[in-house]
Structures are given as structure tokens and as C-alpha cells.
Amino acid sequence: MSLMKVEYQGELHTEAVHLDSQTIIETDAPKDNQGRGEKFSPTDLLATSLASCKLTIMAMKARTLG
């Protein structure tokens, strides 16, 4: 598993950095939860990561089966 660094930026924003690739993910709280909805919300990322994980596992199995 890779290491990440997450910092609170203020105004309900966070910044996560994937330390191996230096890829940055920024979040904002959704409009219905005191945010501006300008970026993915943490709960959006949770659902998105689950979907991405499932699709990756399916692709790995498909590759194995040819």
C-alpha cells in the first residue's frame, strides 16, 4: 500500500497527496453539508473508490480468464 499525506486546508477543504506519484486530490464538503460543492466530497471519494476497486478486480479476473 502506498503512503498518502492529508492536510486540512480550511473552509471544509482537504488536500491529499499520494507520496509515490505526487498526485493530488482536493476535497470540499457538499453543498447540502455546509460546503461549496466545488470538488469531490470525502463521501463521493469513498463511493468512487469502491466502484473503482470493484472494476479493477473484475478487470484483473477478466485478464486471468483471457
N, C-alpha and C. Protein backbone atom coordinates (compact mmCIF):
# COMPACT_ATOMS: atom_id res chain seq x y z
N MET A 1 0.84 -1.18 0.00
CA MET A 1 0.00 0.00 0.00
C MET A 1 0.89 1.24 0.00
N SER A 2 0.49 2.23 -0.75
CA SER A 2 1.24 3.48 -0.83
C SER A 2 0.93 4.37 0.36
N LEU A 3 1.82 5.31 0.60
CA LEU A 3 1.61 6.29 1.65
C LEU A 3 0.99 7.55 1.08
N MET A 4 0.11 8.16 1.87
CA MET A 4 -0.53 9.41 1.50
C MET A 4 -0.38 10.40 2.65
N LYS A 5 -0.45 11.67 2.31
CA LYS A 5 -0.46 12.72 3.31
C LYS A 5 -1.72 13.55 3.08
N VAL A 6 -2.51 13.76 4.12
CA VAL A 6 -3.74 14.54 4.00
C VAL A 6 -3.66 15.71 4.97
N GLU A 7 -3.96 16.90 4.45
CA GLU A 7 -3.95 18.10 5.28
C GLU A 7 -5.26 18.85 5.13
N TYR A 8 -5.75 19.36 6.24
CA TYR A 8 -6.94 20.22 6.22
C TYR A 8 -6.50 21.60 5.74
N GLN A 9 -7.21 22.14 4.75
CA GLN A 9 -6.85 23.42 4.15
C GLN A 9 -7.70 24.59 4.64
N GLY A 10 -8.69 24.29 5.47
CA GLY A 10 -9.61 25.33 5.93
C GLY A 10 -10.83 25.38 5.02
N GLU A 11 -11.88 26.01 5.48
CA GLU A 11 -13.11 26.18 4.69
C GLU A 11 -13.67 24.85 4.18
N LEU A 12 -13.52 23.79 5.00
CA LEU A 12 -14.03 22.44 4.70
C LEU A 12 -13.36 21.80 3.48
N HIS A 13 -12.14 22.22 3.18
CA HIS A 13 -11.34 21.64 2.10
C HIS A 13 -10.19 20.82 2.67
N THR A 14 -9.84 19.73 1.99
CA THR A 14 -8.64 18.98 2.31
C THR A 14 -7.82 18.77 1.06
N GLU A 15 -6.54 18.44 1.26
CA GLU A 15 -5.66 18.11 0.15
C GLU A 15 -4.94 16.83 0.51
N ALA A 16 -5.06 15.81 -0.34
CA ALA A 16 -4.38 14.54 -0.15
C ALA A 16 -3.32 14.38 -1.22
N VAL A 17 -2.11 13.99 -0.81
CA VAL A 17 -1.02 13.78 -1.74
C VAL A 17 -0.58 12.32 -1.68
N HIS A 18 -0.57 11.67 -2.84
CA HIS A 18 -0.04 10.32 -2.97
C HIS A 18 1.47 10.47 -3.07
N LEU A 19 2.20 9.99 -2.05
CA LEU A 19 3.61 10.32 -1.95
C LEU A 19 4.48 9.71 -3.04
N ASP A 20 4.10 8.54 -3.57
CA ASP A 20 4.90 7.94 -4.65
C ASP A 20 4.80 8.71 -5.96
N SER A 21 3.60 9.14 -6.32
CA SER A 21 3.40 9.79 -7.62
C SER A 21 3.23 11.31 -7.53
N GLN A 22 3.04 11.81 -6.32
CA GLN A 22 2.77 13.23 -6.09
C GLN A 22 1.42 13.69 -6.68
N THR A 23 0.53 12.73 -6.97
CA THR A 23 -0.81 13.06 -7.42
C THR A 23 -1.56 13.70 -6.26
N ILE A 24 -2.34 14.74 -6.57
CA ILE A 24 -3.07 15.48 -5.54
C ILE A 24 -4.57 15.32 -5.74
N ILE A 25 -5.29 15.06 -4.65
CA ILE A 25 -6.75 15.04 -4.65
C ILE A 25 -7.21 16.08 -3.65
N GLU A 26 -8.05 16.98 -4.10
CA GLU A 26 -8.61 18.00 -3.22
C GLU A 26 -10.09 17.70 -2.99
N THR A 27 -10.56 17.95 -1.78
CA THR A 27 -11.97 17.72 -1.48
C THR A 27 -12.62 18.98 -0.95
N ASP A 28 -13.94 19.00 -1.05
CA ASP A 28 -14.77 20.06 -0.49
C ASP A 28 -16.03 19.39 0.03
N ALA A 29 -16.56 19.90 1.11
CA ALA A 29 -17.83 19.38 1.60
C ALA A 29 -18.93 19.69 0.57
N PRO A 30 -19.95 18.82 0.47
CA PRO A 30 -21.04 19.08 -0.48
C PRO A 30 -21.89 20.26 -0.04
N LYS A 31 -22.60 20.83 -1.01
CA LYS A 31 -23.46 21.99 -0.73
C LYS A 31 -24.48 21.71 0.36
N ASP A 32 -25.01 20.49 0.37
CA ASP A 32 -26.03 20.17 1.38
C ASP A 32 -25.42 19.86 2.76
N ASN A 33 -24.11 20.02 2.88
CA ASN A 33 -23.46 19.77 4.16
C ASN A 33 -22.42 20.86 4.46
N GLN A 34 -22.83 22.11 4.26
CA GLN A 34 -22.08 23.31 4.60
C GLN A 34 -20.91 23.63 3.69
N GLY A 35 -20.71 22.87 2.61
CA GLY A 35 -19.61 23.14 1.69
C GLY A 35 -20.07 23.93 0.48
N ARG A 36 -19.15 24.12 -0.45
CA ARG A 36 -19.47 24.80 -1.70
C ARG A 36 -19.68 23.82 -2.86
N GLY A 37 -19.35 22.55 -2.64
CA GLY A 37 -19.54 21.54 -3.67
C GLY A 37 -18.65 21.77 -4.88
N GLU A 38 -17.47 22.35 -4.68
CA GLU A 38 -16.58 22.69 -5.79
C GLU A 38 -15.73 21.52 -6.27
N LYS A 39 -15.61 20.51 -5.42
CA LYS A 39 -14.75 19.36 -5.73
C LYS A 39 -15.44 18.09 -5.23
N PHE A 40 -14.82 16.95 -5.45
CA PHE A 40 -15.32 15.72 -4.84
C PHE A 40 -15.45 15.93 -3.34
N SER A 41 -16.49 15.37 -2.76
CA SER A 41 -16.59 15.37 -1.30
C SER A 41 -15.92 14.11 -0.79
N PRO A 42 -15.54 14.06 0.48
CA PRO A 42 -14.97 12.82 1.00
C PRO A 42 -15.90 11.62 0.81
N THR A 43 -17.20 11.80 0.96
CA THR A 43 -18.12 10.68 0.75
C THR A 43 -18.21 10.30 -0.73
N ASP A 44 -18.10 11.28 -1.63
CA ASP A 44 -18.02 10.96 -3.07
C ASP A 44 -16.82 10.06 -3.34
N LEU A 45 -15.68 10.41 -2.73
CA LEU A 45 -14.47 9.62 -2.95
C LEU A 45 -14.59 8.22 -2.39
N LEU A 46 -15.28 8.07 -1.28
CA LEU A 46 -15.50 6.74 -0.70
C LEU A 46 -16.27 5.86 -1.68
N ALA A 47 -17.38 6.39 -2.21
CA ALA A 47 -18.19 5.62 -3.17
C ALA A 47 -17.42 5.37 -4.46
N THR A 48 -16.67 6.38 -4.93
CA THR A 48 -15.90 6.25 -6.15
C THR A 48 -14.78 5.23 -6.00
N SER A 49 -14.13 5.21 -4.83
CA SER A 49 -13.06 4.25 -4.61
C SER A 49 -13.60 2.82 -4.58
N LEU A 50 -14.78 2.63 -4.01
CA LEU A 50 -15.39 1.30 -4.00
C LEU A 50 -15.71 0.84 -5.43
N ALA A 51 -16.29 1.72 -6.22
CA ALA A 51 -16.61 1.37 -7.62
C ALA A 51 -15.33 1.09 -8.40
N SER A 52 -14.30 1.90 -8.21
CA SER A 52 -13.04 1.70 -8.91
C SER A 52 -12.39 0.39 -8.50
N CYS A 53 -12.45 0.07 -7.22
CA CYS A 53 -11.90 -1.19 -6.73
C CYS A 53 -12.62 -2.38 -7.37
N LYS A 54 -13.94 -2.33 -7.40
CA LYS A 54 -14.71 -3.43 -7.99
C LYS A 54 -14.38 -3.60 -9.47
N LEU A 55 -14.30 -2.50 -10.21
CA LEU A 55 -13.99 -2.59 -11.64
C LEU A 55 -12.58 -3.11 -11.88
N THR A 56 -11.64 -2.70 -11.05
CA THR A 56 -10.26 -3.18 -11.18
C THR A 56 -10.18 -4.67 -10.91
N ILE A 57 -10.87 -5.14 -9.89
CA ILE A 57 -10.88 -6.58 -9.58
C ILE A 57 -11.51 -7.36 -10.73
N MET A 58 -12.60 -6.84 -11.29
CA MET A 58 -13.24 -7.50 -12.44
C MET A 58 -12.29 -7.56 -13.63
N ALA A 59 -11.56 -6.48 -13.88
CA ALA A 59 -10.61 -6.45 -14.99
C ALA A 59 -9.46 -7.43 -14.77
N MET A 60 -9.01 -7.54 -13.53
CA MET A 60 -7.94 -8.50 -13.21
C MET A 60 -8.40 -9.93 -13.47
N LYS A 61 -9.62 -10.23 -13.07
CA LYS A 61 -10.16 -11.57 -13.29
C LYS A 61 -10.36 -11.84 -14.78
N ALA A 62 -10.86 -10.83 -15.50
CA ALA A 62 -11.06 -10.98 -16.94
C ALA A 62 -9.73 -11.22 -17.64
N ARG A 63 -8.70 -10.51 -17.20
CA ARG A 63 -7.37 -10.71 -17.78
C ARG A 63 -6.88 -12.13 -17.52
N THR A 64 -7.12 -12.64 -16.33
CA THR A 64 -6.70 -14.00 -15.98
C THR A 64 -7.44 -15.03 -16.84
N LEU A 65 -8.72 -14.78 -17.08
CA LEU A 65 -9.51 -15.72 -17.87
C LEU A 65 -9.34 -15.56 -19.37
N GLY A 66 -8.66 -14.47 -19.77
CA GLY A 66 -8.41 -14.25 -21.19
C GLY A 66 -9.61 -13.63 -21.86
